PDB file of all heavy atoms in Angstrom:
ATOM      1  N   ILE A   1      -6.186   6.278  -0.828  1.00  0.00           N
ATOM      2  CA  ILE A   1      -5.864   6.230   0.556  1.00  0.00           C
ATOM      3  C   ILE A   1      -5.187   7.473   0.993  1.00  0.00           C
ATOM      4  O   ILE A   1      -4.543   8.156   0.227  1.00  0.00           O
ATOM      5  CB  ILE A   1      -4.925   4.943   0.904  1.00  0.00           C
ATOM      6  CG1 ILE A   1      -3.633   5.078   0.079  1.00  0.00           C
ATOM      7  CG2 ILE A   1      -5.758   3.633   0.542  1.00  0.00           C
ATOM      8  CD1 ILE A   1      -2.684   4.051   0.524  1.00  0.00           C
ATOM      9  N   ASP A   2      -5.195   7.764   2.245  1.00  0.00           N
ATOM     10  CA  ASP A   2      -4.374   8.801   2.840  1.00  0.00           C
ATOM     11  C   ASP A   2      -2.933   8.244   2.766  1.00  0.00           C
ATOM     12  O   ASP A   2      -2.584   7.115   2.991  1.00  0.00           O
ATOM     13  CB  ASP A   2      -4.658   9.128   4.305  1.00  0.00           C
ATOM     14  CG  ASP A   2      -3.924  10.275   4.910  1.00  0.00           C
ATOM     15  OD1 ASP A   2      -2.741   9.980   5.256  1.00  0.00           O
ATOM     16  OD2 ASP A   2      -4.482  11.311   5.001  1.00  0.00           O
ATOM     17  N   PRO A   3      -2.004   9.211   2.379  1.00  0.00           N
ATOM     18  CA  PRO A   3      -0.566   8.753   2.241  1.00  0.00           C
ATOM     19  C   PRO A   3       0.010   8.013   3.536  1.00  0.00           C
ATOM     20  O   PRO A   3       0.774   7.112   3.359  1.00  0.00           O
ATOM     21  CB  PRO A   3       0.239  10.034   2.045  1.00  0.00           C
ATOM     22  CG  PRO A   3      -0.773  10.929   1.315  1.00  0.00           C
ATOM     23  CD  PRO A   3      -2.077  10.601   1.931  1.00  0.00           C
ATOM     24  N   SER A   4      -0.521   8.374   4.665  1.00  0.00           N
ATOM     25  CA  SER A   4      -0.085   7.708   5.908  1.00  0.00           C
ATOM     26  C   SER A   4      -0.435   6.192   5.876  1.00  0.00           C
ATOM     27  O   SER A   4       0.168   5.452   6.690  1.00  0.00           O
ATOM     28  CB  SER A   4      -0.627   8.447   7.098  1.00  0.00           C
ATOM     29  OG  SER A   4      -2.051   8.281   7.185  1.00  0.00           O
ATOM     30  N   GLN A   5      -1.466   5.816   5.213  1.00  0.00           N
ATOM     31  CA  GLN A   5      -1.873   4.471   5.158  1.00  0.00           C
ATOM     32  C   GLN A   5      -1.082   3.434   4.282  1.00  0.00           C
ATOM     33  O   GLN A   5      -1.227   2.305   4.327  1.00  0.00           O
ATOM     34  CB  GLN A   5      -3.364   4.348   4.669  1.00  0.00           C
ATOM     35  CG  GLN A   5      -4.401   4.815   5.681  1.00  0.00           C
ATOM     36  CD  GLN A   5      -4.468   3.938   6.921  1.00  0.00           C
ATOM     37  OE1 GLN A   5      -4.526   2.708   6.711  1.00  0.00           O
ATOM     38  NE2 GLN A   5      -4.356   4.488   8.068  1.00  0.00           N
ATOM     39  N   PHE A   6      -0.255   4.102   3.500  1.00  0.00           N
ATOM     40  CA  PHE A   6       0.535   3.244   2.576  1.00  0.00           C
ATOM     41  C   PHE A   6       1.415   2.347   3.289  1.00  0.00           C
ATOM     42  O   PHE A   6       1.422   1.157   2.987  1.00  0.00           O
ATOM     43  CB  PHE A   6       1.411   4.135   1.656  1.00  0.00           C
ATOM     44  CG  PHE A   6       2.166   3.371   0.567  1.00  0.00           C
ATOM     45  CD1 PHE A   6       1.536   3.035  -0.667  1.00  0.00           C
ATOM     46  CD2 PHE A   6       3.459   2.967   0.740  1.00  0.00           C
ATOM     47  CE1 PHE A   6       2.240   2.244  -1.574  1.00  0.00           C
ATOM     48  CE2 PHE A   6       4.132   2.259  -0.284  1.00  0.00           C
ATOM     49  CZ  PHE A   6       3.466   1.885  -1.410  1.00  0.00           C
ATOM     50  N   ARG A   7       2.189   2.872   4.321  1.00  0.00           N
ATOM     51  CA  ARG A   7       3.030   1.959   4.996  1.00  0.00           C
ATOM     52  C   ARG A   7       2.230   0.902   5.873  1.00  0.00           C
ATOM     53  O   ARG A   7       2.628  -0.324   5.949  1.00  0.00           O
ATOM     54  CB  ARG A   7       3.901   2.761   5.979  1.00  0.00           C
ATOM     55  CG  ARG A   7       4.856   1.887   6.818  1.00  0.00           C
ATOM     56  CD  ARG A   7       5.791   2.784   7.699  1.00  0.00           C
ATOM     57  NE  ARG A   7       6.889   3.200   6.694  1.00  0.00           N
ATOM     58  CZ  ARG A   7       7.879   3.982   7.156  1.00  0.00           C
ATOM     59  NH1 ARG A   7       8.007   4.162   8.471  1.00  0.00           N
ATOM     60  NH2 ARG A   7       8.811   4.378   6.296  1.00  0.00           N
ATOM     61  N   VAL A   8       0.980   1.318   6.361  1.00  0.00           N
ATOM     62  CA  VAL A   8       0.231   0.304   7.093  1.00  0.00           C
ATOM     63  C   VAL A   8      -0.176  -0.896   6.216  1.00  0.00           C
ATOM     64  O   VAL A   8      -0.111  -2.002   6.563  1.00  0.00           O
ATOM     65  CB  VAL A   8      -1.083   1.042   7.539  1.00  0.00           C
ATOM     66  CG1 VAL A   8      -1.984   0.092   8.281  1.00  0.00           C
ATOM     67  CG2 VAL A   8      -0.683   2.144   8.627  1.00  0.00           C
ATOM     68  N   LEU A   9      -0.616  -0.514   4.946  1.00  0.00           N
ATOM     69  CA  LEU A   9      -1.078  -1.583   4.074  1.00  0.00           C
ATOM     70  C   LEU A   9       0.164  -2.440   3.637  1.00  0.00           C
ATOM     71  O   LEU A   9       0.103  -3.569   3.514  1.00  0.00           O
ATOM     72  CB  LEU A   9      -1.622  -0.976   2.789  1.00  0.00           C
ATOM     73  CG  LEU A   9      -3.039  -0.370   2.905  1.00  0.00           C
ATOM     74  CD1 LEU A   9      -3.450   0.290   1.599  1.00  0.00           C
ATOM     75  CD2 LEU A   9      -4.043  -1.458   3.237  1.00  0.00           C
ATOM     76  N   ASN A  10       1.301  -1.715   3.360  1.00  0.00           N
ATOM     77  CA  ASN A  10       2.544  -2.466   2.986  1.00  0.00           C
ATOM     78  C   ASN A  10       2.921  -3.377   4.069  1.00  0.00           C
ATOM     79  O   ASN A  10       3.259  -4.651   3.803  1.00  0.00           O
ATOM     80  CB  ASN A  10       3.543  -1.489   2.627  1.00  0.00           C
ATOM     81  CG  ASN A  10       4.895  -2.144   2.015  1.00  0.00           C
ATOM     82  OD1 ASN A  10       4.619  -2.755   0.882  1.00  0.00           O
ATOM     83  ND2 ASN A  10       6.049  -1.964   2.522  1.00  0.00           N
ATOM     84  N   ASP A  11       2.977  -2.914   5.380  1.00  0.00           N
ATOM     85  CA  ASP A  11       3.327  -3.826   6.470  1.00  0.00           C
ATOM     86  C   ASP A  11       2.399  -4.961   6.630  1.00  0.00           C
ATOM     87  O   ASP A  11       2.780  -6.193   6.810  1.00  0.00           O
ATOM     88  CB  ASP A  11       3.385  -3.021   7.761  1.00  0.00           C
ATOM     89  CG  ASP A  11       4.645  -2.000   7.814  1.00  0.00           C
ATOM     90  OD1 ASP A  11       5.448  -2.139   6.910  1.00  0.00           O
ATOM     91  OD2 ASP A  11       4.539  -1.186   8.622  1.00  0.00           O
ATOM     92  N   LEU A  12       1.153  -4.748   6.358  1.00  0.00           N
ATOM     93  CA  LEU A  12       0.022  -5.795   6.544  1.00  0.00           C
ATOM     94  C   LEU A  12       0.262  -6.964   5.403  1.00  0.00           C
ATOM     95  O   LEU A  12       0.260  -8.129   5.795  1.00  0.00           O
ATOM     96  CB  LEU A  12      -1.302  -5.243   6.274  1.00  0.00           C
ATOM     97  CG  LEU A  12      -2.509  -6.126   6.359  1.00  0.00           C
ATOM     98  CD1 LEU A  12      -2.758  -6.715   7.747  1.00  0.00           C
ATOM     99  CD2 LEU A  12      -3.752  -5.535   5.889  1.00  0.00           C
ATOM    100  N   LEU A  13       0.551  -6.471   4.198  1.00  0.00           N
ATOM    101  CA  LEU A  13       0.801  -7.537   3.170  1.00  0.00           C
ATOM    102  C   LEU A  13       2.227  -8.257   3.416  1.00  0.00           C
ATOM    103  O   LEU A  13       2.157  -9.443   3.286  1.00  0.00           O
ATOM    104  CB  LEU A  13       0.947  -6.783   1.820  1.00  0.00           C
ATOM    105  CG  LEU A  13      -0.441  -6.122   1.347  1.00  0.00           C
ATOM    106  CD1 LEU A  13      -0.186  -5.499  -0.043  1.00  0.00           C
ATOM    107  CD2 LEU A  13      -1.609  -7.128   1.214  1.00  0.00           C
ATOM    108  N   GLN A  14       3.257  -7.568   3.877  1.00  0.00           N
ATOM    109  CA  GLN A  14       4.454  -8.207   4.055  1.00  0.00           C
ATOM    110  C   GLN A  14       4.250  -9.227   5.211  1.00  0.00           C
ATOM    111  O   GLN A  14       4.923 -10.324   5.151  1.00  0.00           O
ATOM    112  CB  GLN A  14       5.488  -7.253   4.529  1.00  0.00           C
ATOM    113  CG  GLN A  14       5.877  -6.247   3.404  1.00  0.00           C
ATOM    114  CD  GLN A  14       6.789  -6.864   2.392  1.00  0.00           C
ATOM    115  OE1 GLN A  14       7.425  -7.830   2.595  1.00  0.00           O
ATOM    116  NE2 GLN A  14       6.706  -6.317   1.200  1.00  0.00           N
ATOM    117  N   LYS A  15       3.492  -8.890   6.210  1.00  0.00           N
ATOM    118  CA  LYS A  15       3.309  -9.804   7.392  1.00  0.00           C
ATOM    119  C   LYS A  15       2.434 -11.080   7.137  1.00  0.00           C
ATOM    120  O   LYS A  15       2.744 -12.112   7.511  1.00  0.00           O
ATOM    121  CB  LYS A  15       2.749  -8.895   8.599  1.00  0.00           C
ATOM    122  CG  LYS A  15       2.653  -9.804   9.939  1.00  0.00           C
ATOM    123  CD  LYS A  15       2.091  -8.919  10.975  1.00  0.00           C
ATOM    124  CE  LYS A  15       1.811  -9.733  12.258  1.00  0.00           C
ATOM    125  NZ  LYS A  15       1.139  -8.975  13.322  1.00  0.00           N
ATOM    126  N   GLU A  16       1.281 -10.650   6.500  1.00  0.00           N
ATOM    127  CA  GLU A  16       0.355 -11.670   6.285  1.00  0.00           C
ATOM    128  C   GLU A  16       0.457 -12.588   5.027  1.00  0.00           C
ATOM    129  O   GLU A  16       0.110 -13.699   5.005  1.00  0.00           O
ATOM    130  CB  GLU A  16      -1.074 -11.088   6.316  1.00  0.00           C
ATOM    131  CG  GLU A  16      -1.408 -10.302   7.633  1.00  0.00           C
ATOM    132  CD  GLU A  16      -1.542 -11.236   8.803  1.00  0.00           C
ATOM    133  OE1 GLU A  16      -1.760 -12.462   8.603  1.00  0.00           O
ATOM    134  OE2 GLU A  16      -1.574 -10.723   9.877  1.00  0.00           O
ATOM    135  N   CYS A  17       1.085 -11.936   3.995  1.00  0.00           N
ATOM    136  CA  CYS A  17       1.106 -12.597   2.705  1.00  0.00           C
ATOM    137  C   CYS A  17       2.490 -13.221   2.342  1.00  0.00           C
ATOM    138  O   CYS A  17       2.570 -13.933   1.370  1.00  0.00           O
ATOM    139  CB  CYS A  17       0.585 -11.594   1.647  1.00  0.00           C
ATOM    140  SG  CYS A  17      -1.004 -11.222   1.691  1.00  0.00           S
ATOM    141  N   LYS A  18       3.399 -12.773   3.050  1.00  0.00           N
ATOM    142  CA  LYS A  18       4.835 -13.356   2.948  1.00  0.00           C
ATOM    143  C   LYS A  18       5.227 -13.263   1.428  1.00  0.00           C
ATOM    144  O   LYS A  18       5.730 -14.104   0.753  1.00  0.00           O
ATOM    145  CB  LYS A  18       4.797 -14.799   3.304  1.00  0.00           C
ATOM    146  CG  LYS A  18       4.419 -15.045   4.738  1.00  0.00           C
ATOM    147  CD  LYS A  18       5.461 -14.571   5.716  1.00  0.00           C
ATOM    148  CE  LYS A  18       5.172 -14.927   7.221  1.00  0.00           C
ATOM    149  NZ  LYS A  18       4.004 -14.348   7.703  1.00  0.00           N
ATOM    150  N   GLY A  19       4.981 -11.976   0.797  1.00  0.00           N
ATOM    151  CA  GLY A  19       5.447 -11.765  -0.472  1.00  0.00           C
ATOM    152  C   GLY A  19       4.460 -12.173  -1.545  1.00  0.00           C
ATOM    153  O   GLY A  19       4.673 -11.851  -2.751  1.00  0.00           O
ATOM    154  N   ARG A  20       3.271 -12.791  -1.202  1.00  0.00           N
ATOM    155  CA  ARG A  20       2.286 -13.213  -2.219  1.00  0.00           C
ATOM    156  C   ARG A  20       1.346 -11.993  -2.616  1.00  0.00           C
ATOM    157  O   ARG A  20       0.920 -11.997  -3.758  1.00  0.00           O
ATOM    158  CB  ARG A  20       1.395 -14.378  -1.631  1.00  0.00           C
ATOM    159  CG  ARG A  20       2.215 -15.510  -1.351  1.00  0.00           C
ATOM    160  CD  ARG A  20       1.352 -16.783  -0.975  1.00  0.00           C
ATOM    161  NE  ARG A  20       0.337 -16.387   0.142  1.00  0.00           N
ATOM    162  CZ  ARG A  20       0.704 -16.572   1.308  1.00  0.00           C
ATOM    163  NH1 ARG A  20       1.845 -17.127   1.618  1.00  0.00           N
ATOM    164  NH2 ARG A  20      -0.085 -16.294   2.379  1.00  0.00           N
ATOM    165  N   GLY A  21       1.242 -11.053  -1.714  1.00  0.00           N
ATOM    166  CA  GLY A  21       0.271  -9.880  -2.066  1.00  0.00           C
ATOM    167  C   GLY A  21       1.252  -8.871  -2.764  1.00  0.00           C
ATOM    168  O   GLY A  21       2.481  -8.799  -2.705  1.00  0.00           O
ATOM    169  N   ARG A  22       0.503  -7.882  -3.384  1.00  0.00           N
ATOM    170  CA  ARG A  22       1.258  -6.823  -4.132  1.00  0.00           C
ATOM    171  C   ARG A  22       0.572  -5.420  -3.873  1.00  0.00           C
ATOM    172  O   ARG A  22      -0.741  -5.261  -3.997  1.00  0.00           O
ATOM    173  CB  ARG A  22       1.288  -7.161  -5.586  1.00  0.00           C
ATOM    174  CG  ARG A  22       2.137  -6.214  -6.352  1.00  0.00           C
ATOM    175  CD  ARG A  22       2.119  -6.668  -7.802  1.00  0.00           C
ATOM    176  NE  ARG A  22       2.690  -5.664  -8.699  1.00  0.00           N
ATOM    177  CZ  ARG A  22       2.784  -5.697 -10.074  1.00  0.00           C
ATOM    178  NH1 ARG A  22       1.966  -6.546 -10.611  1.00  0.00           N
ATOM    179  NH2 ARG A  22       3.381  -4.722 -10.659  1.00  0.00           N
ATOM    180  N   LEU A  23       1.414  -4.543  -3.620  1.00  0.00           N
ATOM    181  CA  LEU A  23       0.852  -3.048  -3.484  1.00  0.00           C
ATOM    182  C   LEU A  23       1.591  -2.195  -4.482  1.00  0.00           C
ATOM    183  O   LEU A  23       2.828  -2.124  -4.333  1.00  0.00           O
ATOM    184  CB  LEU A  23       1.066  -2.603  -1.942  1.00  0.00           C
ATOM    185  CG  LEU A  23       0.663  -1.186  -1.587  1.00  0.00           C
ATOM    186  CD1 LEU A  23      -0.855  -0.927  -1.833  1.00  0.00           C
ATOM    187  CD2 LEU A  23       1.084  -0.847  -0.205  1.00  0.00           C
ATOM    188  N   GLU A  24       0.885  -1.462  -5.224  1.00  0.00           N
ATOM    189  CA  GLU A  24       1.532  -0.653  -6.312  1.00  0.00           C
ATOM    190  C   GLU A  24       0.871   0.757  -6.291  1.00  0.00           C
ATOM    191  O   GLU A  24      -0.270   0.916  -6.247  1.00  0.00           O
ATOM    192  CB  GLU A  24       1.167  -1.374  -7.727  1.00  0.00           C
ATOM    193  CG  GLU A  24       1.754  -0.654  -8.831  1.00  0.00           C
ATOM    194  CD  GLU A  24       1.289  -1.369 -10.128  1.00  0.00           C
ATOM    195  OE1 GLU A  24       0.597  -2.362 -10.114  1.00  0.00           O
ATOM    196  OE2 GLU A  24       1.656  -0.770 -11.255  1.00  0.00           O
ATOM    197  N   THR A  25       1.741   1.732  -6.380  1.00  0.00           N
ATOM    198  CA  THR A  25       1.306   3.092  -6.378  1.00  0.00           C
ATOM    199  C   THR A  25       1.037   3.549  -7.868  1.00  0.00           C
ATOM    200  O   THR A  25       1.798   3.382  -8.755  1.00  0.00           O
ATOM    201  CB  THR A  25       2.390   4.041  -5.914  1.00  0.00           C
ATOM    202  OG1 THR A  25       2.675   3.657  -4.543  1.00  0.00           O
ATOM    203  CG2 THR A  25       1.886   5.446  -5.865  1.00  0.00           C
ATOM    204  N   LEU A  26      -0.240   4.006  -8.096  1.00  0.00           N
ATOM    205  CA  LEU A  26      -0.575   4.417  -9.371  1.00  0.00           C
ATOM    206  C   LEU A  26      -0.488   5.931  -9.499  1.00  0.00           C
ATOM    207  O   LEU A  26      -0.142   6.427 -10.477  1.00  0.00           O
ATOM    208  CB  LEU A  26      -2.086   3.942  -9.693  1.00  0.00           C
ATOM    209  CG  LEU A  26      -2.360   2.476  -9.588  1.00  0.00           C
ATOM    210  CD1 LEU A  26      -3.860   2.211  -9.869  1.00  0.00           C
ATOM    211  CD2 LEU A  26      -1.575   1.764 -10.683  1.00  0.00           C
ATOM    212  N   THR A  27      -0.949   6.738  -8.495  1.00  0.00           N
ATOM    213  CA  THR A  27      -0.919   8.118  -8.399  1.00  0.00           C
ATOM    214  C   THR A  27      -0.534   8.559  -7.108  1.00  0.00           C
ATOM    215  O   THR A  27      -1.104   8.140  -6.121  1.00  0.00           O
ATOM    216  CB  THR A  27      -2.145   8.752  -8.799  1.00  0.00           C
ATOM    217  OG1 THR A  27      -2.785   8.131 -10.010  1.00  0.00           O
ATOM    218  CG2 THR A  27      -2.097  10.173  -9.174  1.00  0.00           C
ATOM    219  N   PHE A  28       0.598   9.344  -7.011  1.00  0.00           N
ATOM    220  CA  PHE A  28       1.008   9.835  -5.626  1.00  0.00           C
ATOM    221  C   PHE A  28       0.139  10.818  -5.076  1.00  0.00           C
ATOM    222  O   PHE A  28       0.049  10.935  -3.908  1.00  0.00           O
ATOM    223  CB  PHE A  28       2.528  10.316  -5.768  1.00  0.00           C
ATOM    224  CG  PHE A  28       3.483   9.303  -5.755  1.00  0.00           C
ATOM    225  CD1 PHE A  28       4.109   8.845  -7.015  1.00  0.00           C
ATOM    226  CD2 PHE A  28       3.898   8.676  -4.705  1.00  0.00           C
ATOM    227  CE1 PHE A  28       5.120   7.906  -6.975  1.00  0.00           C
ATOM    228  CE2 PHE A  28       4.937   7.742  -4.697  1.00  0.00           C
ATOM    229  CZ  PHE A  28       5.429   7.283  -5.861  1.00  0.00           C
ATOM    230  N   ALA A  29      -0.442  11.714  -5.938  1.00  0.00           N
ATOM    231  CA  ALA A  29      -1.328  12.792  -5.466  1.00  0.00           C
ATOM    232  C   ALA A  29      -2.521  12.747  -6.453  1.00  0.00           C
ATOM    233  O   ALA A  29      -2.573  13.398  -7.492  1.00  0.00           O
ATOM    234  CB  ALA A  29      -0.668  14.138  -5.337  1.00  0.00           C
ATOM    235  N   ALA A  30      -3.652  12.066  -5.989  1.00  0.00           N
ATOM    236  CA  ALA A  30      -4.763  11.948  -6.942  1.00  0.00           C
ATOM    237  C   ALA A  30      -5.700  13.203  -6.739  1.00  0.00           C
ATOM    238  O   ALA A  30      -5.996  13.411  -5.580  1.00  0.00           O
ATOM    239  CB  ALA A  30      -5.586  10.713  -6.664  1.00  0.00           C
ATOM    240  N   THR A  31      -5.996  13.830  -7.754  1.00  0.00           N
ATOM    241  CA  THR A  31      -6.891  15.033  -7.747  1.00  0.00           C
ATOM    242  C   THR A  31      -7.989  14.870  -8.603  1.00  0.00           C
ATOM    243  O   THR A  31      -7.966  13.781  -9.478  1.00  0.00           O
ATOM    244  CB  THR A  31      -6.096  16.234  -8.204  1.00  0.00           C
ATOM    245  OG1 THR A  31      -5.579  16.035  -9.557  1.00  0.00           O
ATOM    246  CG2 THR A  31      -4.938  16.557  -7.283  1.00  0.00           C
ATOM    247  N   ALA A  32      -9.006  15.663  -8.602  1.00  0.00           N
ATOM    248  CA  ALA A  32     -10.195  15.519  -9.382  1.00  0.00           C
ATOM    249  C   ALA A  32      -9.877  15.487 -10.922  1.00  0.00           C
ATOM    250  O   ALA A  32      -9.030  16.337 -11.322  1.00  0.00           O
ATOM    251  CB  ALA A  32     -11.184  16.622  -9.061  1.00  0.00           C
TER     252      ALA A  32
END
């Protein structure tokens, strides 16, 4: 994802899943 999407996804999970969903960063800057 674009780094700007991280907060969007996090907010979506917080709002819709009420803590049931999980978002985890594996690589901050993924390169080839």
